Amino acid sequence: MKEYSRIDRLAGEIQHALATLIQSEIKDPRIGMVTVTRVQLARDVSHARVYVTVLDGAHDAELSVKTLNRAAPFLRHALGERVHLQFLPRLQFVYDKQSVREQRLNELIQQAVRSDAAQGRAIAKGSSSVAGGRTPEATQDAHKE
């Protein structure tokens, strides 16, 4: 159990350091607005799979990932200056499709909620105009008399 918490802590530290390094040190125009979403670190810390998303729609995600993988040796060296480990993991950058799916799903849910709210307002307005502004119950009571 202790090993997992150490790996998780190191992965978080690497994620934070790489996010900072990519934004401050990498000046390649082929890389868009890249966000490091998570880091999956091997138990022996020999390999780190770095998941990224590209927030800028004008940049190709595949090209950004390829460029980051080419810059991986430089980033690994710079990472060694910020995160003090006996052995630095080999970095592999991967486009995070899961985060993109989650984001799209959240957008669809928000759209459905807005649509439901709009329909709810339309129904509420429509029910007040039924039978001269009376509720359906009041209309039934008026017919009984």
C-alpha atoms as a PDB file:
ATOM      1  CA  MET A   1       0.000   0.000   0.000  1.00  0.00           C
ATOM      2  CA  LYS A   2       2.822   2.374   0.839  1.00  0.00           C
ATOM      3  CA  GLU A   3       4.433   1.850  -2.570  1.00  0.00           C
ATOM      4  CA  TYR A   4       1.300   3.007  -4.380  1.00  0.00           C
ATOM      5  CA  SER A   5       1.102   6.228  -2.399  1.00  0.00           C
ATOM      6  CA  ARG A   6       4.769   6.939  -3.140  1.00  0.00           C
ATOM      7  CA  ILE A   7       4.221   6.309  -6.862  1.00  0.00           C
ATOM      8  CA  ASP A   8       1.113   8.509  -6.845  1.00  0.00           C
ATOM      9  CA  ARG A   9       2.986  11.289  -5.060  1.00  0.00           C
ATOM     10  CA  LEU A  10       5.884  11.092  -7.517  1.00  0.00           C
ATOM     11  CA  ALA A  11       3.500  11.012 -10.487  1.00  0.00           C
ATOM     12  CA  GLY A  12       1.789  14.163  -9.193  1.00  0.00           C
ATOM     13  CA  GLU A  13       5.128  15.871  -8.683  1.00  0.00           C
ATOM     14  CA  ILE A  14       6.259  14.919 -12.195  1.00  0.00           C
ATOM     15  CA  GLN A  15       2.939  16.078 -13.653  1.00  0.00           C
ATOM     16  CA  HIS A  16       3.260  19.486 -12.012  1.00  0.00           C
ATOM     17  CA  ALA A  17       6.907  19.909 -13.028  1.00  0.00           C
ATOM     18  CA  LEU A  18       6.277  18.849 -16.645  1.00  0.00           C
ATOM     19  CA  ALA A  19       3.286  21.179 -16.985  1.00  0.00           C
ATOM     20  CA  THR A  20       5.477  24.068 -15.864  1.00  0.00           C
ATOM     21  CA  LEU A  21       8.398  23.013 -18.069  1.00  0.00           C
ATOM     22  CA  ILE A  22       6.272  22.634 -21.197  1.00  0.00           C
ATOM     23  CA  GLN A  23       4.797  26.096 -20.801  1.00  0.00           C
ATOM     24  CA  SER A  24       8.014  27.866 -19.838  1.00  0.00           C
ATOM     25  CA  GLU A  25      10.788  26.002 -21.679  1.00  0.00           C
ATOM     26  CA  ILE A  26       9.294  24.612 -24.896  1.00  0.00           C
ATOM     27  CA  LYS A  27       8.975  27.363 -27.507  1.00  0.00           C
ATOM     28  CA  ASP A  28       8.075  25.147 -30.483  1.00  0.00           C
ATOM     29  CA  PRO A  29       5.145  26.663 -32.438  1.00  0.00           C
ATOM     30  CA  ARG A  30       3.892  23.171 -33.364  1.00  0.00           C
ATOM     31  CA  ILE A  31       2.827  22.649 -29.761  1.00  0.00           C
ATOM     32  CA  GLY A  32      -0.458  24.308 -28.892  1.00  0.00           C
ATOM     33  CA  MET A  33      -1.928  24.996 -25.476  1.00  0.00           C
ATOM     34  CA  VAL A  34      -0.979  21.648 -23.944  1.00  0.00           C
ATOM     35  CA  THR A  35      -2.308  20.520 -20.587  1.00  0.00           C
ATOM     36  CA  VAL A  36      -0.765  17.608 -18.719  1.00  0.00           C
ATOM     37  CA  THR A  37      -3.840  15.761 -17.468  1.00  0.00           C
ATOM     38  CA  ARG A  38      -2.155  12.859 -15.669  1.00  0.00           C
ATOM     39  CA  VAL A  39       1.048  10.871 -15.366  1.00  0.00           C
ATOM     40  CA  GLN A  40       1.092   7.102 -15.122  1.00  0.00           C
ATOM     41  CA  LEU A  41       4.334   6.041 -13.499  1.00  0.00           C
ATOM     42  CA  ALA A  42       5.734   2.493 -13.608  1.00  0.00           C
ATOM     43  CA  ARG A  43       6.272   0.865 -10.211  1.00  0.00           C
ATOM     44  CA  ASP A  44      10.038   0.874 -10.721  1.00  0.00           C
ATOM     45  CA  VAL A  45       9.903   4.534 -11.864  1.00  0.00           C
ATOM     46  CA  SER A  46      11.639   3.593 -15.135  1.00  0.00           C
ATOM     47  CA  HIS A  47       8.875   4.819 -17.401  1.00  0.00           C
ATOM     48  CA  ALA A  48       6.315   7.607 -17.222  1.00  0.00           C
ATOM     49  CA  ARG A  49       3.369   7.805 -19.590  1.00  0.00           C
ATOM     50  CA  VAL A  50       2.376  11.475 -19.713  1.00  0.00           C
ATOM     51  CA  TYR A  51      -1.199  12.118 -20.852  1.00  0.00           C
ATOM     52  CA  VAL A  52      -1.816  15.485 -22.491  1.00  0.00           C
ATOM     53  CA  THR A  53      -4.678  17.341 -24.134  1.00  0.00           C
ATOM     54  CA  VAL A  54      -4.463  20.219 -26.565  1.00  0.00           C
ATOM     55  CA  LEU A  55      -6.842  23.017 -25.630  1.00  0.00           C
ATOM     56  CA  ASP A  56      -6.109  25.113 -28.684  1.00  0.00           C
ATOM     57  CA  GLY A  57      -8.291  23.894 -31.557  1.00  0.00           C
ATOM     58  CA  ALA A  58      -5.948  25.474 -34.112  1.00  0.00           C
ATOM     59  CA  HIS A  59      -3.149  23.010 -33.297  1.00  0.00           C
ATOM     60  CA  ASP A  60      -3.155  19.369 -34.310  1.00  0.00           C
ATOM     61  CA  ALA A  61      -3.098  17.136 -31.231  1.00  0.00           C
ATOM     62  CA  GLU A  62      -1.145  14.383 -33.000  1.00  0.00           C
ATOM     63  CA  LEU A  63       1.548  16.825 -34.130  1.00  0.00           C
ATOM     64  CA  SER A  64       1.776  18.311 -30.630  1.00  0.00           C
ATOM     65  CA  VAL A  65       2.268  14.844 -29.102  1.00  0.00           C
ATOM     66  CA  LYS A  66       4.921  13.909 -31.686  1.00  0.00           C
ATOM     67  CA  THR A  67       6.764  17.154 -31.004  1.00  0.00           C
ATOM     68  CA  LEU A  68       6.628  16.561 -27.245  1.00  0.00           C
ATOM     69  CA  ASN A  69       8.014  13.042 -27.735  1.00  0.00           C
ATOM     70  CA  ARG A  70      10.892  14.515 -29.736  1.00  0.00           C
ATOM     71  CA  ALA A  71      11.530  16.959 -26.903  1.00  0.00           C
ATOM     72  CA  ALA A  72      11.296  14.190 -24.264  1.00  0.00           C
ATOM     73  CA  PRO A  73      15.080  13.893 -23.693  1.00  0.00           C
ATOM     74  CA  PHE A  74      15.318  17.651 -23.079  1.00  0.00           C
ATOM     75  CA  LEU A  75      12.282  17.567 -20.783  1.00  0.00           C
ATOM     76  CA  ARG A  76      13.687  14.552 -18.925  1.00  0.00           C
ATOM     77  CA  HIS A  77      16.941  16.416 -18.281  1.00  0.00           C
ATOM     78  CA  ALA A  78      15.089  19.554 -17.141  1.00  0.00           C
ATOM     79  CA  LEU A  79      12.823  17.379 -14.984  1.00  0.00           C
ATOM     80  CA  GLY A  80      15.933  16.005 -13.244  1.00  0.00           C
ATOM     81  CA  GLU A  81      16.810  19.524 -12.121  1.00  0.00           C
ATOM     82  CA  ARG A  82      13.382  19.999 -10.530  1.00  0.00           C
ATOM     83  CA  VAL A  83      12.453  16.555  -9.225  1.00  0.00           C
ATOM     84  CA  HIS A  84      15.253  14.847  -7.351  1.00  0.00           C
ATOM     85  CA  LEU A  85      15.160  11.135  -8.072  1.00  0.00           C
ATOM     86  CA  GLN A  86      17.957   8.602  -8.251  1.00  0.00           C
ATOM     87  CA  PHE A  87      16.676   7.444 -11.657  1.00  0.00           C
ATOM     88  CA  LEU A  88      14.588   9.587 -13.962  1.00  0.00           C
ATOM     89  CA  PRO A  89      11.777   7.887 -15.847  1.00  0.00           C
ATOM     90  CA  ARG A  90      11.761   7.695 -19.634  1.00  0.00           C
ATOM     91  CA  LEU A  91       8.961  10.009 -20.814  1.00  0.00           C
ATOM     92  CA  GLN A  92       6.324   8.995 -23.316  1.00  0.00           C
ATOM     93  CA  PHE A  93       3.680  11.553 -24.255  1.00  0.00           C
ATOM     94  CA  VAL A  94       0.215  10.282 -25.173  1.00  0.00           C
ATOM     95  CA  TYR A  95      -2.894  12.171 -26.281  1.00  0.00           C
ATOM     96  CA  ASP A  96      -5.505  11.799 -23.532  1.00  0.00           C
ATOM     97  CA  LYS A  97      -8.664  10.715 -25.354  1.00  0.00           C
ATOM     98  CA  GLN A  98     -10.421   9.963 -22.060  1.00  0.00           C
ATOM     99  CA  SER A  99     -10.298  13.604 -20.969  1.00  0.00           C
ATOM    100  CA  VAL A 100     -11.648  14.708 -24.334  1.00  0.00           C
ATOM    101  CA  ARG A 101     -14.531  12.229 -24.036  1.00  0.00           C
ATOM    102  CA  GLU A 102     -15.258  13.403 -20.491  1.00  0.00           C
ATOM    103  CA  GLN A 103     -15.268  17.023 -21.610  1.00  0.00           C
ATOM    104  CA  ARG A 104     -17.647  16.239 -24.506  1.00  0.00           C
ATOM    105  CA  LEU A 105     -19.935  14.288 -22.183  1.00  0.00           C
ATOM    106  CA  ASN A 106     -20.022  17.201 -19.721  1.00  0.00           C
ATOM    107  CA  GLU A 107     -20.924  19.570 -22.571  1.00  0.00           C
ATOM    108  CA  LEU A 108     -23.786  17.278 -23.626  1.00  0.00           C
ATOM    109  CA  ILE A 109     -25.081  17.067 -20.052  1.00  0.00           C
ATOM    110  CA  GLN A 110     -24.993  20.852 -19.663  1.00  0.00           C
ATOM    111  CA  GLN A 111     -26.780  21.249 -22.986  1.00  0.00           C
ATOM    112  CA  ALA A 112     -29.495  18.794 -21.881  1.00  0.00           C
ATOM    113  CA  VAL A 113     -29.920  20.597 -18.551  1.00  0.00           C
ATOM    114  CA  ARG A 114     -30.299  23.962 -20.324  1.00  0.00           C
ATOM    115  CA  SER A 115     -32.804  22.418 -22.738  1.00  0.00           C
ATOM    116  CA  ASP A 116     -34.826  20.900 -19.894  1.00  0.00           C
ATOM    117  CA  ALA A 117     -34.808  24.196 -18.024  1.00  0.00           C
ATOM    118  CA  ALA A 118     -36.022  26.033 -21.123  1.00  0.00           C
ATOM    119  CA  GLN A 119     -38.805  23.482 -21.630  1.00  0.00           C
ATOM    120  CA  GLY A 120     -39.748  23.759 -17.974  1.00  0.00           C
ATOM    121  CA  ARG A 121     -40.143  27.538 -18.316  1.00  0.00           C
ATOM    122  CA  ALA A 122     -42.214  27.096 -21.479  1.00  0.00           C
ATOM    123  CA  ILE A 123     -44.499  24.573 -19.772  1.00  0.00           C
ATOM    124  CA  ALA A 124     -44.880  26.827 -16.746  1.00  0.00           C
ATOM    125  CA  LYS A 125     -45.865  29.754 -18.967  1.00  0.00           C
ATOM    126  CA  GLY A 126     -48.244  27.562 -20.962  1.00  0.00           C
ATOM    127  CA  SER A 127     -50.061  26.178 -17.902  1.00  0.00           C
ATOM    128  CA  SER A 128     -50.817  29.637 -16.522  1.00  0.00           C
ATOM    129  CA  SER A 129     -52.587  30.599 -19.745  1.00  0.00           C
ATOM    130  CA  VAL A 130     -54.776  27.475 -19.756  1.00  0.00           C
ATOM    131  CA  ALA A 131     -58.407  28.203 -18.889  1.00  0.00           C
ATOM    132  CA  GLY A 132     -57.950  31.912 -18.434  1.00  0.00           C
ATOM    133  CA  GLY A 133     -54.972  31.725 -16.107  1.00  0.00           C
ATOM    134  CA  ARG A 134     -56.478  29.092 -13.825  1.00  0.00           C
ATOM    135  CA  THR A 135     -54.620  25.946 -12.870  1.00  0.00           C
ATOM    136  CA  PRO A 136     -56.017  22.625 -14.131  1.00  0.00           C
ATOM    137  CA  GLU A 137     -57.352  21.874 -10.627  1.00  0.00           C
ATOM    138  CA  ALA A 138     -59.197  25.196 -10.488  1.00  0.00           C
ATOM    139  CA  THR A 139     -60.649  24.516 -13.939  1.00  0.00           C
ATOM    140  CA  GLN A 140     -61.949  21.108 -12.791  1.00  0.00           C
ATOM    141  CA  ASP A 141     -63.508  22.679  -9.683  1.00  0.00           C
ATOM    142  CA  ALA A 142     -65.223  25.323 -11.844  1.00  0.00           C
ATOM    143  CA  HIS A 143     -66.726  22.611 -14.087  1.00  0.00           C
ATOM    144  CA  LYS A 144     -68.137  20.759 -11.050  1.00  0.00           C
ATOM    145  CA  GLU A 145     -70.170  23.777  -9.990  1.00  0.00           C
END
